[in-house]
Amino acid sequence: MSKKVPSIAKFKYDGSITRALVVVAHPDDVDFGSAGTVATLTKHGVNVAYCIVTSGDAGGDDSTHTKEERSAIREAEQTAAAKEVGVTNLAFLRWPDGQVEPTLMLRKEITRAIRTQKPDLVITQSPERNWERIYASHPDHLAVGEATLRAVYPDARNPHAFPELVREGFKPHTVDEVWLGGVAPNMVVDITKTFDLKYAALRRHVSQVGSRKGLKKMLRSWSKETARRAGMKKGKLAEGFRVVATN
């Protein structure tokens, strides 16, 4: 007899999340992956902050801007996008785009961000490669996902991991839960009511999607399929995550 396939949980806000930190590799990653969820959280009064590891200085456009100019443009775009979904607290770590590795230094910087924001929830990218869609598995995405998980456990909670951070005033903090985007979700967030905010946020990334036709249709198709796979009603839209308990 075959085992019953476990159902995918549907997120329901219960007040336990008051602070959240989103850690991603590039400007626009959060908006492609989880802006609808972020908008849902901020509508519930959750304090959401972003930690963007690179400034997208090698990001896919055919402009002749210098790396510095492109970084400034993309940081401004991400800042505007964040406002669309209720986020005004952003930190850019400014690592070289396309060259991110899960080093101790990156773990330290993400640990500092966690200890600064003291989130109940961290949302980040999956360190697992998606063999069905290679675009979801940019090397920077994989590296940031891995570094963030290492920062969540054991680094951020361990006073001996980076003792210099304690001396600087960044006391240990334990994150209760991590949501990984991109691979094998076991929970979905209904973004039917926040989809337009997600689209508005993504449209702010003019250098990346300004000339892309069919963007809204593509996003809606992805969200519909995520909802369908979770057994949600027809017409619903969702973003999916793999929930990782940390305690």
Foldseek 3Di string as FASTA:
>chain_A
DDDDDDFFAEDDDDPPWQEEEEEEAEQPPCLLAPLLVLLVCVVVVHQYEYEYAALCLVPDFDDPDHSVVSSVLSVVLSCVLLVLSPHNHYHYNHDDPLDAALDLVLLVVLLLVCLVRQGLEYEAADLDQDPVDRVSCRVSRNRRNVSNVVSLPPNQQDCPSCVVSVVVPRHRHHHFKYWHFDDDFRYKYWSLVPLVSSVVSSCSSCRHCVPPPPPSVVSQVVQQVVCVSNVHDPPIGIHGTHMDGDD
